[in-house]
Amino acid sequence: MTEKRRQIDKNTRDAVWIKYMGNKVEGKCYCCKLRTIHITDFQVGHNKAVAKGGNDNISNLRPICGPCNRGMGTMSIEKYREKYFTGQSNMNKRKAGTDENKVTKKELLKNLATGKLETLTNVFNLESKLPMWPEREDYIKILSGSRKVTVENIKSILRI
């Protein structure tokens, strides 16, 4: 039988919130910087996973949203953020105009944060094609497979 990890106590949760959010009641997820988290509704994520030798010290904990906490598995918050949420800035460095700089639909989708992929899925009414607990890759697969989703539509909707 697998031993269940004990929950982070309230004092530690409060200390993590204050360290990263200060006296604010709401803030953005430390990881994705997209989803709003609330002082009473956030998850405490381990930068170095317990499974990889991390601990419950405040210096190893961050206030994050549920989707990021579930999505990162044993990856560090910093590596997860770099892998999934910094592509937008890299993509903006490339300017469209010449054929060699044109972005494909799949490349564009892969560089978007999960929140933006969710938004596009809703705008194009594709939610019914997603599994019950969609992963980031599910959004990319559904959106890239739809003929009504084009690079121009994506850029227009997201104002890229």
N, C-alpha and C. Protein backbone atom coordinates (compact mmCIF):
# COMPACT_ATOMS: atom_id res chain seq x y z
N MET A 1 0.84 -1.18 0.00
CA MET A 1 0.00 0.00 0.00
C MET A 1 0.89 1.25 0.00
N THR A 2 0.53 2.21 -0.84
CA THR A 2 1.29 3.45 -0.94
C THR A 2 0.95 4.37 0.22
N GLU A 3 1.98 4.93 0.83
CA GLU A 3 1.76 5.83 1.95
C GLU A 3 1.35 7.20 1.42
N LYS A 4 0.25 7.74 1.97
CA LYS A 4 -0.23 9.04 1.54
C LYS A 4 0.59 10.13 2.21
N ARG A 5 1.03 11.10 1.40
CA ARG A 5 1.79 12.22 1.96
C ARG A 5 0.88 13.08 2.82
N ARG A 6 1.48 13.60 3.87
CA ARG A 6 0.66 14.46 4.72
C ARG A 6 0.52 15.83 4.06
N GLN A 7 -0.59 16.47 4.39
CA GLN A 7 -0.90 17.77 3.83
C GLN A 7 0.02 18.85 4.41
N ILE A 8 0.25 19.90 3.64
CA ILE A 8 1.01 21.05 4.12
C ILE A 8 0.13 21.76 5.15
N ASP A 9 0.66 22.02 6.33
CA ASP A 9 -0.17 22.63 7.38
C ASP A 9 -0.50 24.09 7.05
N LYS A 10 -1.54 24.60 7.71
CA LYS A 10 -2.05 25.94 7.43
C LYS A 10 -0.99 27.02 7.66
N ASN A 11 -0.21 26.91 8.71
CA ASN A 11 0.82 27.93 8.98
C ASN A 11 1.83 28.00 7.84
N THR A 12 2.22 26.85 7.31
CA THR A 12 3.17 26.82 6.20
C THR A 12 2.53 27.39 4.94
N ARG A 13 1.27 27.00 4.67
CA ARG A 13 0.53 27.55 3.51
C ARG A 13 0.49 29.07 3.58
N ASP A 14 0.13 29.58 4.76
CA ASP A 14 0.04 31.04 4.94
C ASP A 14 1.40 31.70 4.72
N ALA A 15 2.45 31.08 5.22
CA ALA A 15 3.80 31.64 5.08
C ALA A 15 4.23 31.66 3.61
N VAL A 16 3.87 30.61 2.86
CA VAL A 16 4.19 30.55 1.43
C VAL A 16 3.45 31.67 0.69
N TRP A 17 2.17 31.84 1.02
CA TRP A 17 1.38 32.90 0.37
C TRP A 17 2.02 34.27 0.63
N ILE A 18 2.31 34.55 1.88
CA ILE A 18 2.87 35.86 2.24
C ILE A 18 4.22 36.09 1.58
N LYS A 19 5.05 35.05 1.52
CA LYS A 19 6.38 35.19 0.91
C LYS A 19 6.29 35.60 -0.55
N TYR A 20 5.34 35.01 -1.30
CA TYR A 20 5.28 35.26 -2.74
C TYR A 20 4.18 36.23 -3.17
N MET A 21 3.15 36.40 -2.35
CA MET A 21 2.03 37.26 -2.74
C MET A 21 1.89 38.49 -1.84
N GLY A 22 2.58 38.47 -0.72
CA GLY A 22 2.47 39.60 0.20
C GLY A 22 1.11 39.63 0.86
N ASN A 23 0.56 40.82 1.01
CA ASN A 23 -0.73 40.99 1.68
C ASN A 23 -1.91 40.96 0.72
N LYS A 24 -1.67 40.62 -0.54
CA LYS A 24 -2.75 40.57 -1.52
C LYS A 24 -3.66 39.37 -1.23
N VAL A 25 -4.93 39.53 -1.57
CA VAL A 25 -5.90 38.45 -1.41
C VAL A 25 -5.89 37.54 -2.63
N GLU A 26 -5.58 38.10 -3.80
CA GLU A 26 -5.50 37.34 -5.04
C GLU A 26 -4.17 37.62 -5.72
N GLY A 27 -3.77 36.68 -6.56
CA GLY A 27 -2.56 36.85 -7.34
C GLY A 27 -2.55 35.86 -8.48
N LYS A 28 -1.52 35.90 -9.29
CA LYS A 28 -1.38 34.96 -10.40
C LYS A 28 -0.54 33.77 -9.94
N CYS A 29 -0.86 32.62 -10.48
CA CYS A 29 -0.10 31.40 -10.20
C CYS A 29 1.39 31.65 -10.41
N TYR A 30 2.21 31.24 -9.46
CA TYR A 30 3.65 31.44 -9.56
C TYR A 30 4.22 30.76 -10.80
N CYS A 31 3.60 29.66 -11.21
CA CYS A 31 4.12 28.86 -12.31
C CYS A 31 3.72 29.42 -13.68
N CYS A 32 2.42 29.47 -13.97
CA CYS A 32 1.97 29.87 -15.31
C CYS A 32 1.78 31.37 -15.46
N LYS A 33 1.59 32.06 -14.36
CA LYS A 33 1.35 33.51 -14.36
C LYS A 33 0.07 33.87 -15.12
N LEU A 34 -0.82 32.89 -15.30
CA LEU A 34 -2.05 33.13 -16.05
C LEU A 34 -3.29 33.03 -15.17
N ARG A 35 -3.40 31.93 -14.44
CA ARG A 35 -4.59 31.70 -13.64
C ARG A 35 -4.53 32.48 -12.33
N THR A 36 -5.67 33.04 -11.97
CA THR A 36 -5.76 33.77 -10.71
C THR A 36 -5.95 32.77 -9.58
N ILE A 37 -5.17 32.93 -8.54
CA ILE A 37 -5.33 32.11 -7.34
C ILE A 37 -5.71 33.04 -6.20
N HIS A 38 -6.34 32.48 -5.20
CA HIS A 38 -6.87 33.25 -4.08
C HIS A 38 -6.24 32.74 -2.79
N ILE A 39 -6.13 33.61 -1.83
CA ILE A 39 -5.50 33.24 -0.55
C ILE A 39 -6.16 32.02 0.09
N THR A 40 -7.45 31.80 -0.19
CA THR A 40 -8.14 30.64 0.37
C THR A 40 -8.30 29.50 -0.63
N ASP A 41 -7.82 29.70 -1.86
CA ASP A 41 -7.99 28.69 -2.90
C ASP A 41 -6.76 28.64 -3.80
N PHE A 42 -5.74 27.95 -3.33
CA PHE A 42 -4.52 27.76 -4.11
C PHE A 42 -3.87 26.46 -3.65
N GLN A 43 -2.93 25.97 -4.43
CA GLN A 43 -2.19 24.78 -4.03
C GLN A 43 -0.74 25.17 -3.77
N VAL A 44 -0.13 24.44 -2.88
CA VAL A 44 1.27 24.66 -2.56
C VAL A 44 2.08 23.64 -3.36
N GLY A 45 2.86 24.14 -4.31
CA GLY A 45 3.66 23.26 -5.15
C GLY A 45 5.10 23.20 -4.68
N HIS A 46 5.69 22.04 -4.86
CA HIS A 46 7.11 21.85 -4.52
C HIS A 46 7.96 22.19 -5.73
N ASN A 47 8.92 23.09 -5.57
CA ASN A 47 9.82 23.37 -6.69
C ASN A 47 10.64 22.13 -7.00
N LYS A 48 11.19 21.50 -5.99
CA LYS A 48 11.84 20.19 -6.15
C LYS A 48 10.89 19.16 -5.54
N ALA A 49 10.40 18.26 -6.36
CA ALA A 49 9.40 17.28 -5.93
C ALA A 49 9.92 16.43 -4.77
N VAL A 50 9.01 16.08 -3.86
CA VAL A 50 9.34 15.20 -2.74
C VAL A 50 9.91 13.88 -3.27
N ALA A 51 9.34 13.40 -4.37
CA ALA A 51 9.80 12.14 -4.98
C ALA A 51 11.25 12.23 -5.45
N LYS A 52 11.74 13.44 -5.64
CA LYS A 52 13.13 13.63 -6.09
C LYS A 52 14.00 14.23 -4.99
N GLY A 53 13.55 14.06 -3.75
CA GLY A 53 14.36 14.52 -2.62
C GLY A 53 14.01 15.89 -2.08
N GLY A 54 12.96 16.51 -2.62
CA GLY A 54 12.54 17.82 -2.13
C GLY A 54 11.90 17.73 -0.76
N ASN A 55 11.78 18.86 -0.09
CA ASN A 55 11.20 18.88 1.25
C ASN A 55 10.06 19.88 1.34
N ASP A 56 9.49 20.00 2.53
CA ASP A 56 8.37 20.91 2.76
C ASP A 56 8.82 22.25 3.34
N ASN A 57 10.09 22.60 3.18
CA ASN A 57 10.55 23.91 3.65
C ASN A 57 9.96 25.00 2.77
N ILE A 58 9.68 26.14 3.37
CA ILE A 58 9.08 27.25 2.64
C ILE A 58 9.91 27.62 1.41
N SER A 59 11.22 27.50 1.50
CA SER A 59 12.08 27.86 0.37
C SER A 59 11.87 26.94 -0.84
N ASN A 60 11.25 25.78 -0.64
CA ASN A 60 11.00 24.83 -1.73
C ASN A 60 9.54 24.86 -2.19
N LEU A 61 8.73 25.71 -1.59
CA LEU A 61 7.29 25.73 -1.87
C LEU A 61 6.89 27.02 -2.59
N ARG A 62 5.86 26.92 -3.44
CA ARG A 62 5.36 28.08 -4.18
C ARG A 62 3.84 28.01 -4.24
N PRO A 63 3.16 29.17 -4.27
CA PRO A 63 1.70 29.19 -4.44
C PRO A 63 1.35 29.04 -5.92
N ILE A 64 0.67 27.94 -6.27
CA ILE A 64 0.36 27.68 -7.67
C ILE A 64 -1.09 27.23 -7.83
N CYS A 65 -1.54 27.19 -9.09
CA CYS A 65 -2.90 26.74 -9.38
C CYS A 65 -2.93 25.21 -9.49
N GLY A 66 -4.11 24.64 -9.37
CA GLY A 66 -4.28 23.19 -9.45
C GLY A 66 -3.79 22.58 -10.76
N PRO A 67 -4.18 23.15 -11.93
CA PRO A 67 -3.72 22.56 -13.19
C PRO A 67 -2.19 22.50 -13.30
N CYS A 68 -1.50 23.53 -12.83
CA CYS A 68 -0.03 23.49 -12.88
C CYS A 68 0.50 22.42 -11.93
N ASN A 69 -0.06 22.35 -10.73
CA ASN A 69 0.41 21.38 -9.74
C ASN A 69 0.23 19.95 -10.26
N ARG A 70 -0.93 19.68 -10.86
CA ARG A 70 -1.18 18.34 -11.40
C ARG A 70 -0.34 18.08 -12.65
N GLY A 71 -0.16 19.10 -13.47
CA GLY A 71 0.53 18.93 -14.74
C GLY A 71 2.03 18.72 -14.63
N MET A 72 2.64 19.26 -13.59
CA MET A 72 4.10 19.20 -13.51
C MET A 72 4.64 17.87 -13.01
N GLY A 73 3.80 17.06 -12.37
CA GLY A 73 4.27 15.77 -11.87
C GLY A 73 5.48 15.94 -10.98
N THR A 74 6.60 15.31 -11.32
CA THR A 74 7.82 15.44 -10.51
C THR A 74 8.81 16.43 -11.11
N MET A 75 8.38 17.15 -12.15
CA MET A 75 9.23 18.18 -12.75
C MET A 75 9.28 19.39 -11.81
N SER A 76 10.40 20.07 -11.76
CA SER A 76 10.46 21.27 -10.91
C SER A 76 9.57 22.36 -11.50
N ILE A 77 9.08 23.24 -10.66
CA ILE A 77 8.24 24.34 -11.13
C ILE A 77 9.00 25.15 -12.18
N GLU A 78 10.26 25.43 -11.92
CA GLU A 78 11.05 26.24 -12.84
C GLU A 78 11.17 25.57 -14.21
N LYS A 79 11.43 24.25 -14.24
CA LYS A 79 11.55 23.53 -15.51
C LYS A 79 10.20 23.45 -16.22
N TYR A 80 9.12 23.21 -15.45
CA TYR A 80 7.78 23.13 -16.02
C TYR A 80 7.40 24.48 -16.65
N ARG A 81 7.68 25.55 -15.93
CA ARG A 81 7.35 26.89 -16.43
C ARG A 81 8.15 27.18 -17.71
N GLU A 82 9.42 26.82 -17.70
CA GLU A 82 10.28 27.04 -18.86
C GLU A 82 9.78 26.23 -20.07
N LYS A 83 9.35 25.00 -19.82
CA LYS A 83 8.91 24.12 -20.91
C LYS A 83 7.58 24.56 -21.51
N TYR A 84 6.63 24.97 -20.65
CA TYR A 84 5.28 25.24 -21.14
C TYR A 84 4.86 26.70 -21.20
N PHE A 85 5.54 27.58 -20.50
CA PHE A 85 5.03 28.95 -20.42
C PHE A 85 5.99 30.04 -20.86
N THR A 86 7.14 29.69 -21.39
CA THR A 86 8.03 30.74 -21.88
C THR A 86 8.08 30.77 -23.40
N GLY A 87 7.40 29.85 -24.05
CA GLY A 87 7.40 29.81 -25.51
C GLY A 87 6.80 31.05 -26.13
N GLN A 88 5.85 31.68 -25.45
CA GLN A 88 5.20 32.87 -25.98
C GLN A 88 6.21 33.98 -26.23
N SER A 89 7.13 34.19 -25.29
CA SER A 89 8.11 35.25 -25.49
C SER A 89 9.08 34.88 -26.61
N ASN A 90 9.43 33.60 -26.73
CA ASN A 90 10.29 33.16 -27.82
C ASN A 90 9.60 33.34 -29.17
N MET A 91 8.29 33.05 -29.20
CA MET A 91 7.54 33.16 -30.43
C MET A 91 7.45 34.62 -30.88
N ASN A 92 7.31 35.53 -29.93
CA ASN A 92 7.19 36.94 -30.28
C ASN A 92 8.47 37.51 -30.86
N LYS A 93 9.59 36.83 -30.63
CA LYS A 93 10.86 37.30 -31.19
C LYS A 93 10.88 37.13 -32.70
N ARG A 94 10.08 36.17 -33.20
CA ARG A 94 10.02 35.94 -34.65
C ARG A 94 8.92 36.81 -35.23
N LYS A 95 9.23 37.58 -36.21
CA LYS A 95 8.23 38.43 -36.84
C LYS A 95 7.80 37.79 -38.16
N ALA A 96 6.49 37.79 -38.40
CA ALA A 96 5.98 37.24 -39.65
C ALA A 96 6.33 38.19 -40.79
N GLY A 97 6.26 37.69 -42.00
CA GLY A 97 6.52 38.55 -43.14
C GLY A 97 7.18 37.78 -44.27
N THR A 98 8.24 37.07 -43.98
CA THR A 98 8.89 36.27 -45.01
C THR A 98 8.45 34.83 -44.83
N ASP A 99 8.48 34.07 -45.91
CA ASP A 99 8.04 32.68 -45.86
C ASP A 99 8.80 31.87 -44.83
N GLU A 100 10.10 32.12 -44.69
CA GLU A 100 10.88 31.33 -43.74
C GLU A 100 10.52 31.63 -42.29
N ASN A 101 9.87 32.76 -42.04
CA ASN A 101 9.48 33.12 -40.68
C ASN A 101 8.02 32.80 -40.38
N LYS A 102 7.29 32.25 -41.34
CA LYS A 102 5.88 31.94 -41.09
C LYS A 102 5.77 30.80 -40.09
N VAL A 103 4.82 30.93 -39.20
CA VAL A 103 4.62 29.96 -38.14
C VAL A 103 3.52 28.99 -38.56
N THR A 104 3.73 27.70 -38.36
CA THR A 104 2.68 26.73 -38.65
C THR A 104 1.67 26.73 -37.50
N LYS A 105 0.48 26.23 -37.79
CA LYS A 105 -0.57 26.19 -36.77
C LYS A 105 -0.10 25.37 -35.56
N LYS A 106 0.48 24.21 -35.81
CA LYS A 106 0.91 23.35 -34.70
C LYS A 106 2.02 24.02 -33.89
N GLU A 107 2.95 24.67 -34.55
CA GLU A 107 4.03 25.37 -33.85
C GLU A 107 3.46 26.50 -32.98
N LEU A 108 2.51 27.23 -33.54
CA LEU A 108 1.87 28.31 -32.79
C LEU A 108 1.17 27.76 -31.56
N LEU A 109 0.40 26.69 -31.74
CA LEU A 109 -0.33 26.08 -30.62
C LEU A 109 0.62 25.56 -29.55
N LYS A 110 1.72 24.94 -29.96
CA LYS A 110 2.68 24.40 -28.99
C LYS A 110 3.32 25.49 -28.15
N ASN A 111 3.36 26.71 -28.66
CA ASN A 111 3.98 27.82 -27.94
C ASN A 111 3.00 28.59 -27.06
N LEU A 112 1.73 28.19 -27.06
CA LEU A 112 0.74 28.88 -26.24
C LEU A 112 0.61 28.22 -24.88
N ALA A 113 0.32 29.03 -23.89
CA ALA A 113 0.06 28.52 -22.55
C ALA A 113 -1.25 27.74 -22.54
N THR A 114 -1.39 26.84 -21.60
CA THR A 114 -2.59 26.00 -21.50
C THR A 114 -3.86 26.83 -21.41
N GLY A 115 -3.83 27.92 -20.67
CA GLY A 115 -5.01 28.78 -20.53
C GLY A 115 -5.48 29.32 -21.87
N LYS A 116 -4.54 29.69 -22.73
CA LYS A 116 -4.91 30.20 -24.05
C LYS A 116 -5.44 29.08 -24.93
N LEU A 117 -4.90 27.88 -24.78
CA LEU A 117 -5.42 26.73 -25.53
C LEU A 117 -6.85 26.43 -25.11
N GLU A 118 -7.14 26.53 -23.81
CA GLU A 118 -8.50 26.33 -23.31
C GLU A 118 -9.43 27.37 -23.91
N THR A 119 -9.00 28.62 -23.94
CA THR A 119 -9.81 29.70 -24.51
C THR A 119 -10.14 29.41 -25.97
N LEU A 120 -9.13 29.04 -26.75
CA LEU A 120 -9.37 28.74 -28.16
C LEU A 120 -10.33 27.57 -28.34
N THR A 121 -10.18 26.55 -27.51
CA THR A 121 -11.07 25.39 -27.59
C THR A 121 -12.52 25.82 -27.35
N ASN A 122 -12.72 26.72 -26.41
CA ASN A 122 -14.07 27.23 -26.13
C ASN A 122 -14.59 28.10 -27.27
N VAL A 123 -13.75 29.00 -27.78
CA VAL A 123 -14.16 29.90 -28.87
C VAL A 123 -14.60 29.10 -30.09
N PHE A 124 -13.90 28.02 -30.41
CA PHE A 124 -14.22 27.21 -31.58
C PHE A 124 -15.20 26.07 -31.27
N ASN A 125 -15.78 26.09 -30.07
CA ASN A 125 -16.77 25.09 -29.66
C ASN A 125 -16.28 23.66 -29.85
N LEU A 126 -15.07 23.39 -29.38
CA LEU A 126 -14.48 22.05 -29.53
C LEU A 126 -14.38 21.30 -28.20
N GLU A 127 -15.00 21.85 -27.14
CA GLU A 127 -14.89 21.23 -25.81
C GLU A 127 -15.37 19.79 -25.79
N SER A 128 -16.41 19.50 -26.58
CA SER A 128 -17.00 18.15 -26.56
C SER A 128 -16.03 17.09 -27.07
N LYS A 129 -15.00 17.50 -27.79
CA LYS A 129 -14.03 16.53 -28.33
C LYS A 129 -12.92 16.20 -27.34
N LEU A 130 -12.87 16.93 -26.23
CA LEU A 130 -11.81 16.72 -25.24
C LEU A 130 -12.17 15.59 -24.29
N PRO A 131 -11.18 14.90 -23.75
CA PRO A 131 -11.45 13.91 -22.70
C PRO A 131 -11.89 14.63 -21.43
N MET A 132 -12.38 13.88 -20.45
CA MET A 132 -12.88 14.49 -19.23
C MET A 132 -11.82 15.32 -18.52
N TRP A 133 -10.60 14.86 -18.43
CA TRP A 133 -9.51 15.58 -17.76
C TRP A 133 -8.42 15.88 -18.78
N PRO A 134 -8.64 16.91 -19.61
CA PRO A 134 -7.70 17.16 -20.70
C PRO A 134 -6.32 17.60 -20.24
N GLU A 135 -5.32 17.10 -20.93
CA GLU A 135 -3.94 17.52 -20.75
C GLU A 135 -3.64 18.57 -21.82
N ARG A 136 -2.56 19.26 -21.67
CA ARG A 136 -2.16 20.29 -22.62
C ARG A 136 -2.10 19.72 -24.05
N GLU A 137 -1.56 18.52 -24.20
CA GLU A 137 -1.42 17.89 -25.51
C GLU A 137 -2.77 17.61 -26.16
N ASP A 138 -3.81 17.34 -25.34
CA ASP A 138 -5.15 17.09 -25.87
C ASP A 138 -5.69 18.34 -26.57
N TYR A 139 -5.48 19.51 -25.95
CA TYR A 139 -5.92 20.76 -26.56
C TYR A 139 -5.22 20.98 -27.90
N ILE A 140 -3.91 20.75 -27.91
CA ILE A 140 -3.13 20.96 -29.14
C ILE A 140 -3.62 20.02 -30.24
N LYS A 141 -3.88 18.77 -29.90
CA LYS A 141 -4.33 17.78 -30.89
C LYS A 141 -5.69 18.18 -31.47
N ILE A 142 -6.63 18.55 -30.61
CA ILE A 142 -7.98 18.93 -31.06
C ILE A 142 -7.93 20.19 -31.92
N LEU A 143 -7.21 21.20 -31.45
CA LEU A 143 -7.14 22.47 -32.18
C LEU A 143 -6.39 22.33 -33.51
N SER A 144 -5.29 21.59 -33.51
CA SER A 144 -4.52 21.47 -34.76
C SER A 144 -5.25 20.60 -35.78
N GLY A 145 -6.13 19.73 -35.32
CA GLY A 145 -6.89 18.87 -36.23
C GLY A 145 -8.14 19.51 -36.80
N SER A 146 -8.52 20.67 -36.30
CA SER A 146 -9.74 21.33 -36.77
C SER A 146 -9.44 22.26 -37.94
N ARG A 147 -10.22 22.13 -39.02
CA ARG A 147 -10.01 22.99 -40.19
C ARG A 147 -10.42 24.43 -39.94
N LYS A 148 -11.35 24.64 -39.00
CA LYS A 148 -11.79 26.02 -38.76
C LYS A 148 -10.79 26.81 -37.92
N VAL A 149 -9.82 26.15 -37.32
CA VAL A 149 -8.78 26.83 -36.54
C VAL A 149 -7.60 27.09 -37.47
N THR A 150 -7.34 28.37 -37.74
CA THR A 150 -6.21 28.74 -38.61
C THR A 150 -5.25 29.64 -37.84
N VAL A 151 -4.05 29.79 -38.35
CA VAL A 151 -3.06 30.67 -37.72
C VAL A 151 -3.64 32.08 -37.62
N GLU A 152 -4.28 32.54 -38.69
CA GLU A 152 -4.84 33.89 -38.70
C GLU A 152 -5.93 34.03 -37.63
N ASN A 153 -6.81 33.01 -37.51
CA ASN A 153 -7.86 33.06 -36.49
C ASN A 153 -7.27 33.12 -35.09
N ILE A 154 -6.27 32.28 -34.85
CA ILE A 154 -5.63 32.22 -33.53
C ILE A 154 -5.03 33.58 -33.19
N LYS A 155 -4.29 34.14 -34.13
CA LYS A 155 -3.64 35.44 -33.90
C LYS A 155 -4.67 36.54 -33.67
N SER A 156 -5.76 36.48 -34.41
CA SER A 156 -6.81 37.49 -34.26
C SER A 156 -7.49 37.39 -32.90
N ILE A 157 -7.85 36.18 -32.51
CA ILE A 157 -8.56 35.96 -31.24
C ILE A 157 -7.67 36.32 -30.06
N LEU A 158 -6.42 35.91 -30.10
CA LEU A 158 -5.50 36.15 -28.98
C LEU A 158 -4.72 37.46 -29.11
N ARG A 159 -4.97 38.17 -30.20
CA ARG A 159 -4.29 39.46 -30.47
C ARG A 159 -2.77 39.33 -30.39
N ILE A 160 -2.28 38.35 -31.12
CA ILE A 160 -0.82 38.12 -31.16
C ILE A 160 -0.23 38.94 -32.30
